[in-house]
Amino acid sequence: MTRPRRIDDLGDLLPAARSLWGYVWAGPNSLVGLAGGLTTRKRPVRWRGVLLFEDARGGLAWFLRWRGFAAITLGHVIVANRPLSDGLLAHELEHVAQHERWGPLYYPAYLLGSVRGYRRNPFERAATRAATAVQATLDQRQARRR
């Protein structure tokens, strides 16, 4: 039986694997993510060093849809309620990197950063900048192919 795979056009723009230290430091966060991902009743795909619950319907994915969000990253787990574009995947992978840097401090820091609103949260702004840079590079590469 073959495992499901996730194909993307991100190539060398984003890491294909994560560091051991990142897994250890963000481990508690990833356990929260795994618990949330299991509520979706969707089989995850191992992709670029994370577990990806993509196009899920139940549990946490349903809650995200209800709140108006497409995806959430919890440690090394990404839960999404729809198929994700390369740009949104880049955004979520930046959150994975943030979890690796902040470890167990990520959740309180993220909540503190949200005091002035979601759009002003420095973690969200950094993820948006990273995704915008990746998308611009993808667009340039595609334009060169034409």
C-alpha atoms as a PDB file:
ATOM      1  CA  MET A   1       0.000   0.000   0.000  1.00  0.00           C
ATOM      2  CA  THR A   2       1.424   3.378  -0.968  1.00  0.00           C
ATOM      3  CA  ARG A   3       1.217   6.349   1.316  1.00  0.00           C
ATOM      4  CA  PRO A   4      -0.667   9.418   0.184  1.00  0.00           C
ATOM      5  CA  ARG A   5       1.645  12.180  -1.042  1.00  0.00           C
ATOM      6  CA  ARG A   6       1.373  15.945  -1.241  1.00  0.00           C
ATOM      7  CA  ILE A   7       2.819  17.548  -4.366  1.00  0.00           C
ATOM      8  CA  ASP A   8       3.801  21.210  -4.417  1.00  0.00           C
ATOM      9  CA  ASP A   9       5.772  23.657  -6.561  1.00  0.00           C
ATOM     10  CA  LEU A  10       7.782  25.010  -3.630  1.00  0.00           C
ATOM     11  CA  GLY A  11      10.930  23.137  -4.654  1.00  0.00           C
ATOM     12  CA  ASP A  12      14.006  24.549  -2.962  1.00  0.00           C
ATOM     13  CA  LEU A  13      12.208  27.631  -1.593  1.00  0.00           C
ATOM     14  CA  LEU A  14      11.256  25.989   1.684  1.00  0.00           C
ATOM     15  CA  PRO A  15      12.866  23.249   3.772  1.00  0.00           C
ATOM     16  CA  ALA A  16      11.974  19.686   2.889  1.00  0.00           C
ATOM     17  CA  ALA A  17      12.846  18.477   6.410  1.00  0.00           C
ATOM     18  CA  ARG A  18      13.103  19.872   9.927  1.00  0.00           C
ATOM     19  CA  SER A  19      15.881  19.732  12.526  1.00  0.00           C
ATOM     20  CA  LEU A  20      15.846  17.239  15.377  1.00  0.00           C
ATOM     21  CA  TRP A  21      16.161  20.086  17.875  1.00  0.00           C
ATOM     22  CA  GLY A  22      13.118  21.770  16.306  1.00  0.00           C
ATOM     23  CA  TYR A  23      11.070  18.612  16.800  1.00  0.00           C
ATOM     24  CA  VAL A  24      12.156  18.325  20.428  1.00  0.00           C
ATOM     25  CA  TRP A  25      11.687  22.002  21.341  1.00  0.00           C
ATOM     26  CA  ALA A  26       8.288  22.225  19.629  1.00  0.00           C
ATOM     27  CA  GLY A  27       7.265  18.732  20.746  1.00  0.00           C
ATOM     28  CA  PRO A  28       4.662  19.819  23.310  1.00  0.00           C
ATOM     29  CA  ASN A  29       3.075  22.094  20.703  1.00  0.00           C
ATOM     30  CA  SER A  30       3.022  19.244  18.195  1.00  0.00           C
ATOM     31  CA  LEU A  31       1.208  17.014  20.696  1.00  0.00           C
ATOM     32  CA  VAL A  32      -1.531  19.651  20.900  1.00  0.00           C
ATOM     33  CA  GLY A  33      -1.595  19.671  17.094  1.00  0.00           C
ATOM     34  CA  LEU A  34      -1.785  15.905  16.877  1.00  0.00           C
ATOM     35  CA  ALA A  35      -4.731  15.852  19.281  1.00  0.00           C
ATOM     36  CA  GLY A  36      -6.468  18.503  17.158  1.00  0.00           C
ATOM     37  CA  GLY A  37      -5.615  16.730  13.911  1.00  0.00           C
ATOM     38  CA  LEU A  38      -7.028  13.437  15.128  1.00  0.00           C
ATOM     39  CA  THR A  39     -10.418  15.100  15.699  1.00  0.00           C
ATOM     40  CA  THR A  40     -10.698  15.613  11.937  1.00  0.00           C
ATOM     41  CA  ARG A  41     -10.862  11.849  11.286  1.00  0.00           C
ATOM     42  CA  LYS A  42      -8.672  12.509   8.237  1.00  0.00           C
ATOM     43  CA  ARG A  43      -5.504  10.540   7.507  1.00  0.00           C
ATOM     44  CA  PRO A  44      -2.502  12.880   7.634  1.00  0.00           C
ATOM     45  CA  VAL A  45       0.212  13.112   5.020  1.00  0.00           C
ATOM     46  CA  ARG A  46       3.865  13.486   6.009  1.00  0.00           C
ATOM     47  CA  TRP A  47       4.995  16.505   4.027  1.00  0.00           C
ATOM     48  CA  ARG A  48       8.110  18.673   4.399  1.00  0.00           C
ATOM     49  CA  GLY A  49       8.683  17.497   7.953  1.00  0.00           C
ATOM     50  CA  VAL A  50       5.137  18.052   9.202  1.00  0.00           C
ATOM     51  CA  LEU A  51       1.899  16.112   9.470  1.00  0.00           C
ATOM     52  CA  LEU A  52      -0.622  17.706   7.117  1.00  0.00           C
ATOM     53  CA  PHE A  53      -4.346  17.120   7.650  1.00  0.00           C
ATOM     54  CA  GLU A  54      -5.484  18.782   4.414  1.00  0.00           C
ATOM     55  CA  ASP A  55      -9.048  19.114   3.107  1.00  0.00           C
ATOM     56  CA  ALA A  56     -10.396  17.772   6.409  1.00  0.00           C
ATOM     57  CA  ARG A  57     -14.048  18.139   7.401  1.00  0.00           C
ATOM     58  CA  GLY A  58     -14.589  17.191  11.036  1.00  0.00           C
ATOM     59  CA  GLY A  59     -13.444  18.345  14.444  1.00  0.00           C
ATOM     60  CA  LEU A  60     -10.833  21.091  14.381  1.00  0.00           C
ATOM     61  CA  ALA A  61     -11.224  21.584  10.615  1.00  0.00           C
ATOM     62  CA  TRP A  62     -14.948  22.175  11.074  1.00  0.00           C
ATOM     63  CA  PHE A  63     -14.205  24.697  13.852  1.00  0.00           C
ATOM     64  CA  LEU A  64     -11.739  26.548  11.610  1.00  0.00           C
ATOM     65  CA  ARG A  65     -14.310  26.775   8.815  1.00  0.00           C
ATOM     66  CA  TRP A  66     -16.934  28.007  11.277  1.00  0.00           C
ATOM     67  CA  ARG A  67     -14.524  30.737  12.481  1.00  0.00           C
ATOM     68  CA  GLY A  68     -13.581  31.729   8.913  1.00  0.00           C
ATOM     69  CA  PHE A  69     -10.058  30.285   8.794  1.00  0.00           C
ATOM     70  CA  ALA A  70      -8.601  27.845   6.273  1.00  0.00           C
ATOM     71  CA  ALA A  71      -5.775  26.366   8.347  1.00  0.00           C
ATOM     72  CA  ILE A  72      -3.959  26.306  11.647  1.00  0.00           C
ATOM     73  CA  THR A  73      -0.449  25.220  12.545  1.00  0.00           C
ATOM     74  CA  LEU A  74       0.161  23.622  15.924  1.00  0.00           C
ATOM     75  CA  GLY A  75       3.803  22.621  16.256  1.00  0.00           C
ATOM     76  CA  HIS A  76       4.629  20.279  13.388  1.00  0.00           C
ATOM     77  CA  VAL A  77       0.963  19.676  12.544  1.00  0.00           C
ATOM     78  CA  ILE A  78      -1.055  21.643   9.991  1.00  0.00           C
ATOM     79  CA  VAL A  79      -4.829  21.203   9.917  1.00  0.00           C
ATOM     80  CA  ALA A  80      -6.683  22.628   6.912  1.00  0.00           C
ATOM     81  CA  ASN A  81     -10.328  22.500   5.918  1.00  0.00           C
ATOM     82  CA  ARG A  82      -9.596  22.769   2.179  1.00  0.00           C
ATOM     83  CA  PRO A  83      -6.808  22.059  -0.311  1.00  0.00           C
ATOM     84  CA  LEU A  84      -4.121  24.677   0.284  1.00  0.00           C
ATOM     85  CA  SER A  85      -2.304  26.788  -2.266  1.00  0.00           C
ATOM     86  CA  ASP A  86       1.479  26.908  -2.269  1.00  0.00           C
ATOM     87  CA  GLY A  87       1.267  30.435  -0.841  1.00  0.00           C
ATOM     88  CA  LEU A  88      -0.843  29.366   2.117  1.00  0.00           C
ATOM     89  CA  LEU A  89       1.390  26.341   2.666  1.00  0.00           C
ATOM     90  CA  ALA A  90       4.386  28.694   2.778  1.00  0.00           C
ATOM     91  CA  HIS A  91       2.507  30.802   5.361  1.00  0.00           C
ATOM     92  CA  GLU A  92       1.845  27.749   7.510  1.00  0.00           C
ATOM     93  CA  LEU A  93       5.435  26.493   7.194  1.00  0.00           C
ATOM     94  CA  GLU A  94       6.605  29.843   8.554  1.00  0.00           C
ATOM     95  CA  HIS A  95       4.428  29.157  11.590  1.00  0.00           C
ATOM     96  CA  VAL A  96       6.159  25.754  11.905  1.00  0.00           C
ATOM     97  CA  ALA A  97       9.512  27.593  11.961  1.00  0.00           C
ATOM     98  CA  GLN A  98       8.116  29.947  14.616  1.00  0.00           C
ATOM     99  CA  HIS A  99       7.093  26.952  16.744  1.00  0.00           C
ATOM    100  CA  GLU A 100      10.634  25.595  16.375  1.00  0.00           C
ATOM    101  CA  ARG A 101      12.137  28.905  17.521  1.00  0.00           C
ATOM    102  CA  TRP A 102       9.741  29.610  20.396  1.00  0.00           C
ATOM    103  CA  GLY A 103       8.931  26.069  21.528  1.00  0.00           C
ATOM    104  CA  PRO A 104       6.490  25.921  24.458  1.00  0.00           C
ATOM    105  CA  LEU A 105       6.604  29.721  24.689  1.00  0.00           C
ATOM    106  CA  TYR A 106       4.934  30.038  21.287  1.00  0.00           C
ATOM    107  CA  TYR A 107       1.319  29.761  22.471  1.00  0.00           C
ATOM    108  CA  PRO A 108       1.529  32.445  25.194  1.00  0.00           C
ATOM    109  CA  ALA A 109       3.619  34.691  22.907  1.00  0.00           C
ATOM    110  CA  TYR A 110       1.121  34.269  20.064  1.00  0.00           C
ATOM    111  CA  LEU A 111      -1.800  35.103  22.353  1.00  0.00           C
ATOM    112  CA  LEU A 112       0.029  38.170  23.655  1.00  0.00           C
ATOM    113  CA  GLY A 113       0.761  39.207  20.071  1.00  0.00           C
ATOM    114  CA  SER A 114      -2.956  38.955  19.281  1.00  0.00           C
ATOM    115  CA  VAL A 115      -3.969  41.526  21.902  1.00  0.00           C
ATOM    116  CA  ARG A 116      -4.103  44.243  19.228  1.00  0.00           C
ATOM    117  CA  GLY A 117      -5.899  41.955  16.785  1.00  0.00           C
ATOM    118  CA  TYR A 118      -5.171  39.040  14.495  1.00  0.00           C
ATOM    119  CA  ARG A 119      -3.951  41.170  11.576  1.00  0.00           C
ATOM    120  CA  ARG A 120      -1.502  43.054  13.805  1.00  0.00           C
ATOM    121  CA  ASN A 121      -0.085  39.919  15.378  1.00  0.00           C
ATOM    122  CA  PRO A 122       3.677  39.891  14.641  1.00  0.00           C
ATOM    123  CA  PHE A 123       3.642  36.108  14.082  1.00  0.00           C
ATOM    124  CA  GLU A 124       0.922  36.459  11.436  1.00  0.00           C
ATOM    125  CA  ARG A 125       2.642  39.416   9.812  1.00  0.00           C
ATOM    126  CA  ALA A 126       5.924  37.480   9.579  1.00  0.00           C
ATOM    127  CA  ALA A 127       4.144  34.452   8.084  1.00  0.00           C
ATOM    128  CA  THR A 128       2.389  36.678   5.556  1.00  0.00           C
ATOM    129  CA  ARG A 129       5.700  38.307   4.554  1.00  0.00           C
ATOM    130  CA  ALA A 130       7.343  34.901   4.132  1.00  0.00           C
ATOM    131  CA  ALA A 131       4.457  33.602   2.026  1.00  0.00           C
ATOM    132  CA  THR A 132       4.441  36.753  -0.113  1.00  0.00           C
ATOM    133  CA  ALA A 133       8.168  36.354  -0.836  1.00  0.00           C
ATOM    134  CA  VAL A 134       7.731  32.687  -1.773  1.00  0.00           C
ATOM    135  CA  GLN A 135       4.736  33.470  -3.998  1.00  0.00           C
ATOM    136  CA  ALA A 136       6.655  36.257  -5.754  1.00  0.00           C
ATOM    137  CA  THR A 137       9.495  33.841  -6.529  1.00  0.00           C
ATOM    138  CA  LEU A 138       7.034  31.222  -7.791  1.00  0.00           C
ATOM    139  CA  ASP A 139       5.381  33.834 -10.017  1.00  0.00           C
ATOM    140  CA  GLN A 140       8.783  34.890 -11.430  1.00  0.00           C
ATOM    141  CA  ARG A 141       9.719  31.292 -12.189  1.00  0.00           C
ATOM    142  CA  GLN A 142       6.416  30.688 -13.913  1.00  0.00           C
ATOM    143  CA  ALA A 143       6.772  33.870 -15.985  1.00  0.00           C
ATOM    144  CA  ARG A 144      10.219  32.740 -17.159  1.00  0.00           C
ATOM    145  CA  ARG A 145       8.778  29.426 -18.375  1.00  0.00           C
ATOM    146  CA  ARG A 146       6.357  31.162 -20.703  1.00  0.00           C
END
